[in-house]
């Protein structure tokens, strides 16, 4: 998944995704919050939303390069 897509799906700025991938921000360690780790896991399992009762499957549309 591209950083831009991950940021949009997680409700973050692309720059935060870059910090998480690097593991640091301005030379200081960056810890990925548990909520973000769980959201990433949900996305990897194809879940796009959760209302506490049922999960909404992730709709993956073909990219323009496919």
N, C-alpha and C. Protein backbone atom coordinates (compact mmCIF):
# COMPACT_ATOMS: atom_id res chain seq x y z
N UNK A 1 0.85 -1.16 0.00
CA UNK A 1 0.00 0.00 0.00
C UNK A 1 0.90 1.24 0.00
N UNK A 2 0.52 2.21 -0.76
CA UNK A 2 1.29 3.45 -0.82
C UNK A 2 1.08 4.25 0.45
N UNK A 3 2.07 5.06 0.81
CA UNK A 3 1.99 5.88 2.01
C UNK A 3 0.76 6.79 1.98
N UNK A 4 0.48 7.37 0.84
CA UNK A 4 -0.67 8.26 0.71
C UNK A 4 -1.97 7.51 1.01
N UNK A 5 -2.11 6.30 0.46
CA UNK A 5 -3.31 5.50 0.70
C UNK A 5 -3.42 5.10 2.17
N UNK A 6 -2.30 4.69 2.76
CA UNK A 6 -2.31 4.31 4.17
C UNK A 6 -2.72 5.50 5.03
N UNK A 7 -2.17 6.66 4.75
CA UNK A 7 -2.50 7.86 5.51
C UNK A 7 -3.99 8.18 5.42
N UNK A 8 -4.55 8.10 4.23
CA UNK A 8 -5.97 8.39 4.04
C UNK A 8 -6.84 7.40 4.80
N UNK A 9 -6.52 6.12 4.71
CA UNK A 9 -7.33 5.10 5.38
C UNK A 9 -7.21 5.14 6.90
N UNK A 10 -6.05 5.60 7.39
CA UNK A 10 -5.84 5.66 8.83
C UNK A 10 -6.20 7.03 9.41
N UNK A 11 -6.50 8.00 8.55
CA UNK A 11 -6.83 9.33 9.02
C UNK A 11 -5.63 10.10 9.54
N UNK A 12 -4.48 9.83 8.93
CA UNK A 12 -3.23 10.48 9.33
C UNK A 12 -2.67 11.28 8.16
N UNK A 13 -1.69 12.09 8.47
CA UNK A 13 -0.95 12.78 7.41
C UNK A 13 0.12 11.83 6.89
N UNK A 14 0.44 11.97 5.61
CA UNK A 14 1.45 11.11 4.99
C UNK A 14 2.77 11.18 5.75
N UNK A 15 3.09 12.35 6.27
CA UNK A 15 4.35 12.54 7.00
C UNK A 15 4.42 11.63 8.23
N UNK A 16 3.30 11.41 8.91
CA UNK A 16 3.31 10.52 10.07
C UNK A 16 3.60 9.08 9.65
N UNK A 17 3.07 8.67 8.52
CA UNK A 17 3.37 7.34 8.00
C UNK A 17 4.87 7.22 7.76
N UNK A 18 5.47 8.27 7.20
CA UNK A 18 6.90 8.25 6.95
C UNK A 18 7.68 8.16 8.26
N UNK A 19 7.27 8.89 9.29
CA UNK A 19 7.94 8.79 10.59
C UNK A 19 7.82 7.39 11.16
N UNK A 20 6.64 6.80 11.07
CA UNK A 20 6.44 5.45 11.58
C UNK A 20 7.33 4.46 10.84
N UNK A 21 7.43 4.60 9.53
CA UNK A 21 8.28 3.69 8.74
C UNK A 21 9.75 3.85 9.10
N UNK A 22 10.20 5.09 9.27
CA UNK A 22 11.59 5.35 9.63
C UNK A 22 11.90 4.95 11.06
N UNK A 23 10.91 5.08 11.94
CA UNK A 23 11.11 4.77 13.34
C UNK A 23 11.64 5.93 14.15
N UNK A 24 11.80 7.09 13.51
CA UNK A 24 12.24 8.27 14.24
C UNK A 24 11.73 9.53 13.57
N UNK A 25 11.74 10.59 14.38
CA UNK A 25 11.34 11.92 13.90
C UNK A 25 12.36 12.90 14.45
N UNK A 26 13.08 13.53 13.55
CA UNK A 26 14.13 14.47 13.93
C UNK A 26 15.13 13.84 14.89
N UNK A 27 15.47 12.58 14.64
CA UNK A 27 16.46 11.88 15.44
C UNK A 27 15.94 11.27 16.73
N UNK A 28 14.66 11.48 17.03
CA UNK A 28 14.06 10.91 18.24
C UNK A 28 13.18 9.73 17.87
N UNK A 29 13.21 8.67 18.69
CA UNK A 29 12.39 7.49 18.37
C UNK A 29 10.90 7.82 18.33
N UNK A 30 10.21 7.19 17.40
CA UNK A 30 8.76 7.34 17.27
C UNK A 30 8.14 5.98 17.50
N UNK A 31 7.24 5.92 18.47
CA UNK A 31 6.54 4.67 18.75
C UNK A 31 5.17 4.71 18.05
N UNK A 32 4.82 3.63 17.39
CA UNK A 32 3.52 3.57 16.72
C UNK A 32 2.47 3.23 17.78
N UNK A 33 1.46 4.09 17.93
CA UNK A 33 0.41 3.83 18.93
C UNK A 33 -0.32 2.52 18.65
N UNK A 34 -0.77 1.88 19.71
CA UNK A 34 -1.48 0.60 19.58
C UNK A 34 -2.69 0.73 18.66
N UNK A 35 -3.40 1.84 18.75
CA UNK A 35 -4.59 2.02 17.89
C UNK A 35 -4.21 2.01 16.41
N UNK A 36 -3.07 2.59 16.08
CA UNK A 36 -2.62 2.60 14.68
C UNK A 36 -2.17 1.20 14.27
N UNK A 37 -1.47 0.51 15.16
CA UNK A 37 -1.05 -0.88 14.85
C UNK A 37 -2.27 -1.76 14.61
N UNK A 38 -3.29 -1.62 15.46
CA UNK A 38 -4.51 -2.42 15.30
C UNK A 38 -5.24 -2.05 14.00
N UNK A 39 -5.28 -0.77 13.68
CA UNK A 39 -5.94 -0.34 12.44
C UNK A 39 -5.19 -0.89 11.23
N UNK A 40 -3.87 -0.91 11.29
CA UNK A 40 -3.08 -1.47 10.18
C UNK A 40 -3.37 -2.95 10.02
N UNK A 41 -3.48 -3.65 11.15
CA UNK A 41 -3.79 -5.07 11.09
C UNK A 41 -5.18 -5.28 10.46
N UNK A 42 -6.15 -4.47 10.88
CA UNK A 42 -7.50 -4.60 10.32
C UNK A 42 -7.48 -4.38 8.81
N UNK A 43 -6.76 -3.35 8.36
CA UNK A 43 -6.67 -3.09 6.92
C UNK A 43 -6.03 -4.26 6.19
N UNK A 44 -5.00 -4.85 6.81
CA UNK A 44 -4.32 -5.99 6.16
C UNK A 44 -5.23 -7.21 6.06
N UNK A 45 -6.24 -7.26 6.95
CA UNK A 45 -7.20 -8.37 6.93
C UNK A 45 -8.43 -8.05 6.08
N UNK A 46 -8.42 -6.87 5.44
CA UNK A 46 -9.52 -6.51 4.55
C UNK A 46 -10.69 -5.82 5.23
N UNK A 47 -10.49 -5.32 6.45
CA UNK A 47 -11.56 -4.64 7.17
C UNK A 47 -11.37 -3.13 7.02
N UNK A 48 -12.40 -2.44 6.55
CA UNK A 48 -12.28 -1.00 6.34
C UNK A 48 -12.95 -0.19 7.44
N UNK A 49 -13.93 -0.78 8.16
CA UNK A 49 -14.61 -0.05 9.21
C UNK A 49 -15.19 -1.06 10.20
N UNK A 50 -15.39 -0.61 11.43
CA UNK A 50 -15.95 -1.48 12.46
C UNK A 50 -16.83 -0.65 13.38
N UNK A 51 -18.10 -1.03 13.48
CA UNK A 51 -19.04 -0.28 14.31
C UNK A 51 -19.26 -0.91 15.67
N UNK A 52 -18.48 -1.91 16.01
CA UNK A 52 -18.63 -2.60 17.28
C UNK A 52 -19.46 -3.86 17.16
N UNK A 53 -20.13 -4.02 16.04
CA UNK A 53 -20.97 -5.19 15.82
C UNK A 53 -20.50 -6.03 14.63
N UNK A 54 -20.26 -5.37 13.52
CA UNK A 54 -19.85 -6.10 12.33
C UNK A 54 -18.82 -5.29 11.56
N UNK A 55 -17.96 -5.98 10.87
CA UNK A 55 -16.90 -5.33 10.10
C UNK A 55 -17.37 -5.07 8.68
N UNK A 56 -16.96 -3.95 8.15
CA UNK A 56 -17.26 -3.62 6.76
C UNK A 56 -16.06 -4.04 5.92
N UNK A 57 -16.26 -4.93 4.96
CA UNK A 57 -15.14 -5.36 4.13
C UNK A 57 -14.54 -4.20 3.35
N UNK A 58 -13.25 -4.28 3.16
CA UNK A 58 -12.52 -3.28 2.40
C UNK A 58 -12.76 -3.52 0.92
N UNK A 59 -13.16 -2.48 0.21
CA UNK A 59 -13.34 -2.58 -1.24
C UNK A 59 -12.08 -2.11 -1.91
N UNK A 60 -11.39 -3.00 -2.57
CA UNK A 60 -10.16 -2.64 -3.27
C UNK A 60 -10.49 -2.49 -4.74
N UNK A 61 -10.26 -1.28 -5.21
CA UNK A 61 -10.50 -1.01 -6.62
C UNK A 61 -9.20 -1.17 -7.40
N UNK A 62 -9.29 -1.68 -8.62
CA UNK A 62 -8.06 -1.84 -9.41
C UNK A 62 -7.37 -0.50 -9.61
N UNK A 63 -6.05 -0.53 -9.50
CA UNK A 63 -5.31 0.72 -9.71
C UNK A 63 -5.16 0.96 -11.21
N UNK A 64 -4.79 2.16 -11.53
CA UNK A 64 -4.63 2.52 -12.94
C UNK A 64 -3.47 1.80 -13.59
N UNK A 65 -2.54 1.28 -12.77
CA UNK A 65 -1.38 0.59 -13.32
C UNK A 65 -1.61 -0.88 -13.52
N UNK A 66 -2.73 -1.43 -13.00
CA UNK A 66 -3.01 -2.88 -13.13
C UNK A 66 -3.51 -3.21 -14.53
